């Protein structure tokens, strides 16, 4: 059954149809929120808030975009609300995936030399992504962490598709320049990572 058919059933009072929409789209909403907020707890809250809002506002869905894009727009608005707080940003960039300063895969084997290198790289990339101007960072997060197309990112951010693509690519370029300046990668390389 298509998303549009499920929306029609849900509008008619079929809660199971809406549950199916949640099941289909919850992973991408969660990944997008997690990529933007870097906190599992906050991402779970945003995901839940998103689908509560989608249920309440379902009658406003007009099929002008896909249901996925519509629900991601709701999620992105919730993400932006959470990111506005200065205290929130301080917590985001002093926390990690495990609560111990290291990414999940590294925390399991802290004694290996590779884990230390991965930990350092993870922290650096996290810091550099966080330092990007929001207009570049947001399209990158939506396309990379959310797994969305540039068109969907444009709709979520209310910018043209070409602008979303350019900004995401500019974010990659800025990250590449900063990483190269710190001795990561090949300075001769000119393609996107």
C-alpha atoms as a PDB file:
ATOM      1  CA  UNK A   1       0.000   0.000   0.000  1.00  0.00           C
ATOM      2  CA  UNK A   2       1.366   3.449  -0.875  1.00  0.00           C
ATOM      3  CA  UNK A   3       1.924   6.236   1.627  1.00  0.00           C
ATOM      4  CA  UNK A   4      -0.902   8.227   0.032  1.00  0.00           C
ATOM      5  CA  UNK A   5      -3.303   5.316   0.463  1.00  0.00           C
ATOM      6  CA  UNK A   6      -2.255   4.960   4.100  1.00  0.00           C
ATOM      7  CA  UNK A   7      -2.759   8.688   4.664  1.00  0.00           C
ATOM      8  CA  UNK A   8      -6.275   8.389   3.241  1.00  0.00           C
ATOM      9  CA  UNK A   9      -7.081   5.498   5.563  1.00  0.00           C
ATOM     10  CA  UNK A  10      -5.560   7.297   8.550  1.00  0.00           C
ATOM     11  CA  UNK A  11      -7.659  10.373   7.795  1.00  0.00           C
ATOM     12  CA  UNK A  12     -10.686   8.068   7.882  1.00  0.00           C
ATOM     13  CA  UNK A  13      -9.783   7.015  11.422  1.00  0.00           C
ATOM     14  CA  UNK A  14      -7.673   3.911  10.724  1.00  0.00           C
ATOM     15  CA  UNK A  15      -4.976   4.074  13.413  1.00  0.00           C
ATOM     16  CA  UNK A  16      -3.241   0.992  12.029  1.00  0.00           C
ATOM     17  CA  UNK A  17      -2.663   2.874   8.761  1.00  0.00           C
ATOM     18  CA  UNK A  18      -0.980   5.713  10.616  1.00  0.00           C
ATOM     19  CA  UNK A  19       1.070   3.185  12.607  1.00  0.00           C
ATOM     20  CA  UNK A  20       2.295   1.770   9.294  1.00  0.00           C
ATOM     21  CA  UNK A  21       3.373   5.267   8.186  1.00  0.00           C
ATOM     22  CA  UNK A  22       5.271   5.695  11.451  1.00  0.00           C
ATOM     23  CA  UNK A  23       6.948   2.316  11.038  1.00  0.00           C
ATOM     24  CA  UNK A  24       8.019   3.166   7.475  1.00  0.00           C
ATOM     25  CA  UNK A  25       9.409   6.615   8.200  1.00  0.00           C
ATOM     26  CA  UNK A  26      10.562   6.513  11.806  1.00  0.00           C
ATOM     27  CA  UNK A  27      14.100   5.305  10.971  1.00  0.00           C
ATOM     28  CA  UNK A  28      14.861   8.208   8.618  1.00  0.00           C
ATOM     29  CA  UNK A  29      13.342  10.759  10.988  1.00  0.00           C
ATOM     30  CA  UNK A  30      15.416   9.356  13.848  1.00  0.00           C
ATOM     31  CA  UNK A  31      18.655   9.288  11.785  1.00  0.00           C
ATOM     32  CA  UNK A  32      18.107  12.865  10.676  1.00  0.00           C
ATOM     33  CA  UNK A  33      17.431  14.050  14.218  1.00  0.00           C
ATOM     34  CA  UNK A  34      20.381  12.080  15.603  1.00  0.00           C
ATOM     35  CA  UNK A  35      22.717  13.483  12.965  1.00  0.00           C
ATOM     36  CA  UNK A  36      21.630  17.014  13.733  1.00  0.00           C
ATOM     37  CA  UNK A  37      21.361  16.776  17.515  1.00  0.00           C
ATOM     38  CA  UNK A  38      24.024  14.145  18.298  1.00  0.00           C
ATOM     39  CA  UNK A  39      22.055  12.953  21.271  1.00  0.00           C
ATOM     40  CA  UNK A  40      20.120   9.704  21.146  1.00  0.00           C
ATOM     41  CA  UNK A  41      17.725  10.918  23.831  1.00  0.00           C
ATOM     42  CA  UNK A  42      16.994  14.194  22.019  1.00  0.00           C
ATOM     43  CA  UNK A  43      16.633  12.387  18.685  1.00  0.00           C
ATOM     44  CA  UNK A  44      14.123   9.990  20.224  1.00  0.00           C
ATOM     45  CA  UNK A  45      12.170  12.925  21.673  1.00  0.00           C
ATOM     46  CA  UNK A  46      12.164  14.746  18.331  1.00  0.00           C
ATOM     47  CA  UNK A  47      11.060  11.573  16.540  1.00  0.00           C
ATOM     48  CA  UNK A  48       8.167  11.084  18.938  1.00  0.00           C
ATOM     49  CA  UNK A  49       7.187  14.770  18.795  1.00  0.00           C
ATOM     50  CA  UNK A  50       7.331  14.654  15.000  1.00  0.00           C
ATOM     51  CA  UNK A  51       4.865  11.797  14.676  1.00  0.00           C
ATOM     52  CA  UNK A  52       2.514  13.234  17.303  1.00  0.00           C
ATOM     53  CA  UNK A  53       2.485  16.486  15.323  1.00  0.00           C
ATOM     54  CA  UNK A  54       2.059  14.598  12.033  1.00  0.00           C
ATOM     55  CA  UNK A  55      -0.946  12.762  13.440  1.00  0.00           C
ATOM     56  CA  UNK A  56      -2.527  16.014  14.632  1.00  0.00           C
ATOM     57  CA  UNK A  57      -1.795  17.811  11.357  1.00  0.00           C
ATOM     58  CA  UNK A  58      -2.468  14.939   8.944  1.00  0.00           C
ATOM     59  CA  UNK A  59      -5.448  16.744   7.427  1.00  0.00           C
ATOM     60  CA  UNK A  60      -3.005  19.450   6.268  1.00  0.00           C
ATOM     61  CA  UNK A  61      -0.954  17.002   4.194  1.00  0.00           C
ATOM     62  CA  UNK A  62      -1.693  17.989   0.610  1.00  0.00           C
ATOM     63  CA  UNK A  63       0.399  15.556  -1.473  1.00  0.00           C
ATOM     64  CA  UNK A  64       2.470  18.486  -2.759  1.00  0.00           C
ATOM     65  CA  UNK A  65       5.498  16.464  -1.692  1.00  0.00           C
ATOM     66  CA  UNK A  66       5.971  12.905  -0.516  1.00  0.00           C
ATOM     67  CA  UNK A  67       4.783  11.973   2.974  1.00  0.00           C
ATOM     68  CA  UNK A  68       8.443  11.358   3.879  1.00  0.00           C
ATOM     69  CA  UNK A  69       9.446  14.886   2.888  1.00  0.00           C
ATOM     70  CA  UNK A  70       6.446  16.321   4.737  1.00  0.00           C
ATOM     71  CA  UNK A  71       7.245  14.444   7.936  1.00  0.00           C
ATOM     72  CA  UNK A  72      10.959  15.333   7.646  1.00  0.00           C
ATOM     73  CA  UNK A  73       9.978  18.991   7.417  1.00  0.00           C
ATOM     74  CA  UNK A  74       8.089  18.613  10.678  1.00  0.00           C
ATOM     75  CA  UNK A  75      11.103  16.838  12.198  1.00  0.00           C
ATOM     76  CA  UNK A  76      13.519  19.491  10.994  1.00  0.00           C
ATOM     77  CA  UNK A  77      11.408  22.221  12.582  1.00  0.00           C
ATOM     78  CA  UNK A  78      11.541  20.299  15.872  1.00  0.00           C
ATOM     79  CA  UNK A  79      15.326  19.895  15.480  1.00  0.00           C
ATOM     80  CA  UNK A  80      15.745  23.634  14.896  1.00  0.00           C
ATOM     81  CA  UNK A  81      13.724  24.407  18.009  1.00  0.00           C
ATOM     82  CA  UNK A  82      16.014  22.209  20.100  1.00  0.00           C
ATOM     83  CA  UNK A  83      19.188  23.618  18.614  1.00  0.00           C
ATOM     84  CA  UNK A  84      18.312  27.229  19.440  1.00  0.00           C
ATOM     85  CA  UNK A  85      19.295  26.916  23.066  1.00  0.00           C
ATOM     86  CA  UNK A  86      22.913  27.828  23.917  1.00  0.00           C
ATOM     87  CA  UNK A  87      22.930  25.274  26.717  1.00  0.00           C
ATOM     88  CA  UNK A  88      21.797  22.631  24.240  1.00  0.00           C
ATOM     89  CA  UNK A  89      24.734  23.342  21.951  1.00  0.00           C
ATOM     90  CA  UNK A  90      27.206  23.195  24.811  1.00  0.00           C
ATOM     91  CA  UNK A  91      25.866  19.788  25.802  1.00  0.00           C
ATOM     92  CA  UNK A  92      25.906  18.506  22.205  1.00  0.00           C
ATOM     93  CA  UNK A  93      29.535  19.309  21.621  1.00  0.00           C
ATOM     94  CA  UNK A  94      30.755  18.039  24.973  1.00  0.00           C
ATOM     95  CA  UNK A  95      28.851  14.758  24.756  1.00  0.00           C
ATOM     96  CA  UNK A  96      29.192  11.692  22.605  1.00  0.00           C
ATOM     97  CA  UNK A  97      27.445   8.517  21.563  1.00  0.00           C
ATOM     98  CA  UNK A  98      28.325   6.540  24.719  1.00  0.00           C
ATOM     99  CA  UNK A  99      28.571   9.138  27.424  1.00  0.00           C
ATOM    100  CA  UNK A 100      32.284   8.420  27.852  1.00  0.00           C
ATOM    101  CA  UNK A 101      33.909  10.695  25.279  1.00  0.00           C
ATOM    102  CA  UNK A 102      34.332   8.065  22.589  1.00  0.00           C
ATOM    103  CA  UNK A 103      32.212   6.812  19.687  1.00  0.00           C
ATOM    104  CA  UNK A 104      30.457   3.474  20.279  1.00  0.00           C
ATOM    105  CA  UNK A 105      32.786   1.314  18.161  1.00  0.00           C
ATOM    106  CA  UNK A 106      35.905   2.734  19.804  1.00  0.00           C
ATOM    107  CA  UNK A 107      34.629   2.384  23.370  1.00  0.00           C
ATOM    108  CA  UNK A 108      34.589  -1.410  23.079  1.00  0.00           C
ATOM    109  CA  UNK A 109      38.383  -1.660  22.596  1.00  0.00           C
ATOM    110  CA  UNK A 110      40.037   1.407  24.099  1.00  0.00           C
ATOM    111  CA  UNK A 111      43.505  -0.178  24.135  1.00  0.00           C
ATOM    112  CA  UNK A 112      44.005  -0.493  20.404  1.00  0.00           C
ATOM    113  CA  UNK A 113      46.056   2.087  18.545  1.00  0.00           C
ATOM    114  CA  UNK A 114      43.464   2.159  15.757  1.00  0.00           C
ATOM    115  CA  UNK A 115      40.738   2.987  18.277  1.00  0.00           C
ATOM    116  CA  UNK A 116      42.728   5.989  19.474  1.00  0.00           C
ATOM    117  CA  UNK A 117      43.175   7.240  15.913  1.00  0.00           C
ATOM    118  CA  UNK A 118      39.477   6.680  15.167  1.00  0.00           C
ATOM    119  CA  UNK A 119      38.537   8.455  18.395  1.00  0.00           C
ATOM    120  CA  UNK A 120      40.675  11.464  17.515  1.00  0.00           C
ATOM    121  CA  UNK A 121      39.284  11.608  13.983  1.00  0.00           C
ATOM    122  CA  UNK A 122      35.713  11.242  15.234  1.00  0.00           C
ATOM    123  CA  UNK A 123      36.119  14.091  17.709  1.00  0.00           C
ATOM    124  CA  UNK A 124      37.739  16.323  15.116  1.00  0.00           C
ATOM    125  CA  UNK A 125      35.083  15.693  12.460  1.00  0.00           C
ATOM    126  CA  UNK A 126      32.299  16.166  15.024  1.00  0.00           C
ATOM    127  CA  UNK A 127      33.823  19.471  16.070  1.00  0.00           C
ATOM    128  CA  UNK A 128      34.361  20.634  12.498  1.00  0.00           C
ATOM    129  CA  UNK A 129      30.820  19.734  11.419  1.00  0.00           C
ATOM    130  CA  UNK A 130      29.454  21.529  14.467  1.00  0.00           C
ATOM    131  CA  UNK A 131      31.475  24.623  13.612  1.00  0.00           C
ATOM    132  CA  UNK A 132      30.087  24.868  10.069  1.00  0.00           C
ATOM    133  CA  UNK A 133      27.643  27.697   9.452  1.00  0.00           C
ATOM    134  CA  UNK A 134      24.090  26.280   9.725  1.00  0.00           C
ATOM    135  CA  UNK A 135      23.309  27.071   6.098  1.00  0.00           C
ATOM    136  CA  UNK A 136      26.017  24.560   5.050  1.00  0.00           C
ATOM    137  CA  UNK A 137      25.740  22.141   7.961  1.00  0.00           C
ATOM    138  CA  UNK A 138      21.978  21.545   7.726  1.00  0.00           C
ATOM    139  CA  UNK A 139      21.828  20.291   4.106  1.00  0.00           C
ATOM    140  CA  UNK A 140      24.852  18.080   4.842  1.00  0.00           C
ATOM    141  CA  UNK A 141      23.171  16.551   7.892  1.00  0.00           C
ATOM    142  CA  UNK A 142      19.885  15.947   6.074  1.00  0.00           C
ATOM    143  CA  UNK A 143      21.538  14.283   3.095  1.00  0.00           C
ATOM    144  CA  UNK A 144      24.253  12.346   4.932  1.00  0.00           C
ATOM    145  CA  UNK A 145      22.604  11.384   8.233  1.00  0.00           C
ATOM    146  CA  UNK A 146      19.048  11.515   6.992  1.00  0.00           C
ATOM    147  CA  UNK A 147      19.881   9.735   3.759  1.00  0.00           C
ATOM    148  CA  UNK A 148      17.730  12.176   1.831  1.00  0.00           C
ATOM    149  CA  UNK A 149      18.075  13.552  -1.673  1.00  0.00           C
ATOM    150  CA  UNK A 150      19.051  17.142  -2.325  1.00  0.00           C
ATOM    151  CA  UNK A 151      15.491  17.745  -3.483  1.00  0.00           C
ATOM    152  CA  UNK A 152      14.105  16.530  -0.149  1.00  0.00           C
ATOM    153  CA  UNK A 153      16.702  18.578   1.744  1.00  0.00           C
ATOM    154  CA  UNK A 154      15.643  21.637  -0.232  1.00  0.00           C
ATOM    155  CA  UNK A 155      12.012  21.087   0.643  1.00  0.00           C
ATOM    156  CA  UNK A 156      12.776  20.495   4.317  1.00  0.00           C
ATOM    157  CA  UNK A 157      14.901  23.649   4.497  1.00  0.00           C
ATOM    158  CA  UNK A 158      12.628  25.642   2.175  1.00  0.00           C
ATOM    159  CA  UNK A 159      15.419  26.351  -0.324  1.00  0.00           C
ATOM    160  CA  UNK A 160      15.841  25.376  -3.995  1.00  0.00           C
ATOM    161  CA  UNK A 161      17.246  21.900  -4.728  1.00  0.00           C
ATOM    162  CA  UNK A 162      20.320  23.396  -6.410  1.00  0.00           C
ATOM    163  CA  UNK A 163      21.022  25.524  -3.348  1.00  0.00           C
ATOM    164  CA  UNK A 164      20.742  22.492  -1.045  1.00  0.00           C
ATOM    165  CA  UNK A 165      23.166  20.575  -3.271  1.00  0.00           C
ATOM    166  CA  UNK A 166      25.626  23.463  -3.478  1.00  0.00           C
ATOM    167  CA  UNK A 167      25.544  24.053   0.281  1.00  0.00           C
ATOM    168  CA  UNK A 168      26.062  20.360   1.113  1.00  0.00           C
ATOM    169  CA  UNK A 169      28.978  20.209  -1.326  1.00  0.00           C
ATOM    170  CA  UNK A 170      30.384  23.435   0.098  1.00  0.00           C
ATOM    171  CA  UNK A 171      30.166  21.895   3.587  1.00  0.00           C
ATOM    172  CA  UNK A 172      32.161  18.904   2.329  1.00  0.00           C
ATOM    173  CA  UNK A 173      34.717  21.209   0.715  1.00  0.00           C
ATOM    174  CA  UNK A 174      35.110  23.238   3.909  1.00  0.00           C
ATOM    175  CA  UNK A 175      35.543  20.061   5.940  1.00  0.00           C
ATOM    176  CA  UNK A 176      38.107  18.707   3.452  1.00  0.00           C
ATOM    177  CA  UNK A 177      40.117  21.955   3.611  1.00  0.00           C
ATOM    178  CA  UNK A 178      40.104  21.933   7.413  1.00  0.00           C
ATOM    179  CA  UNK A 179      41.017  18.247   7.610  1.00  0.00           C
ATOM    180  CA  UNK A 180      43.825  18.671   5.068  1.00  0.00           C
ATOM    181  CA  UNK A 181      45.191  21.610   7.068  1.00  0.00           C
ATOM    182  CA  UNK A 182      45.367  19.272  10.062  1.00  0.00           C
ATOM    183  CA  UNK A 183      47.251  16.591   8.114  1.00  0.00           C
ATOM    184  CA  UNK A 184      44.340  14.309   7.198  1.00  0.00           C
ATOM    185  CA  UNK A 185      43.926  13.148   3.626  1.00  0.00           C
ATOM    186  CA  UNK A 186      45.697  14.119   0.449  1.00  0.00           C
ATOM    187  CA  UNK A 187      46.161  17.868  -0.093  1.00  0.00           C
ATOM    188  CA  UNK A 188      46.324  17.246  -3.865  1.00  0.00           C
ATOM    189  CA  UNK A 189      42.819  15.772  -3.900  1.00  0.00           C
ATOM    190  CA  UNK A 190      40.159  18.080  -5.345  1.00  0.00           C
ATOM    191  CA  UNK A 191      37.107  15.790  -5.509  1.00  0.00           C
ATOM    192  CA  UNK A 192      34.411  15.573  -2.844  1.00  0.00           C
ATOM    193  CA  UNK A 193      34.970  12.831  -0.266  1.00  0.00           C
END
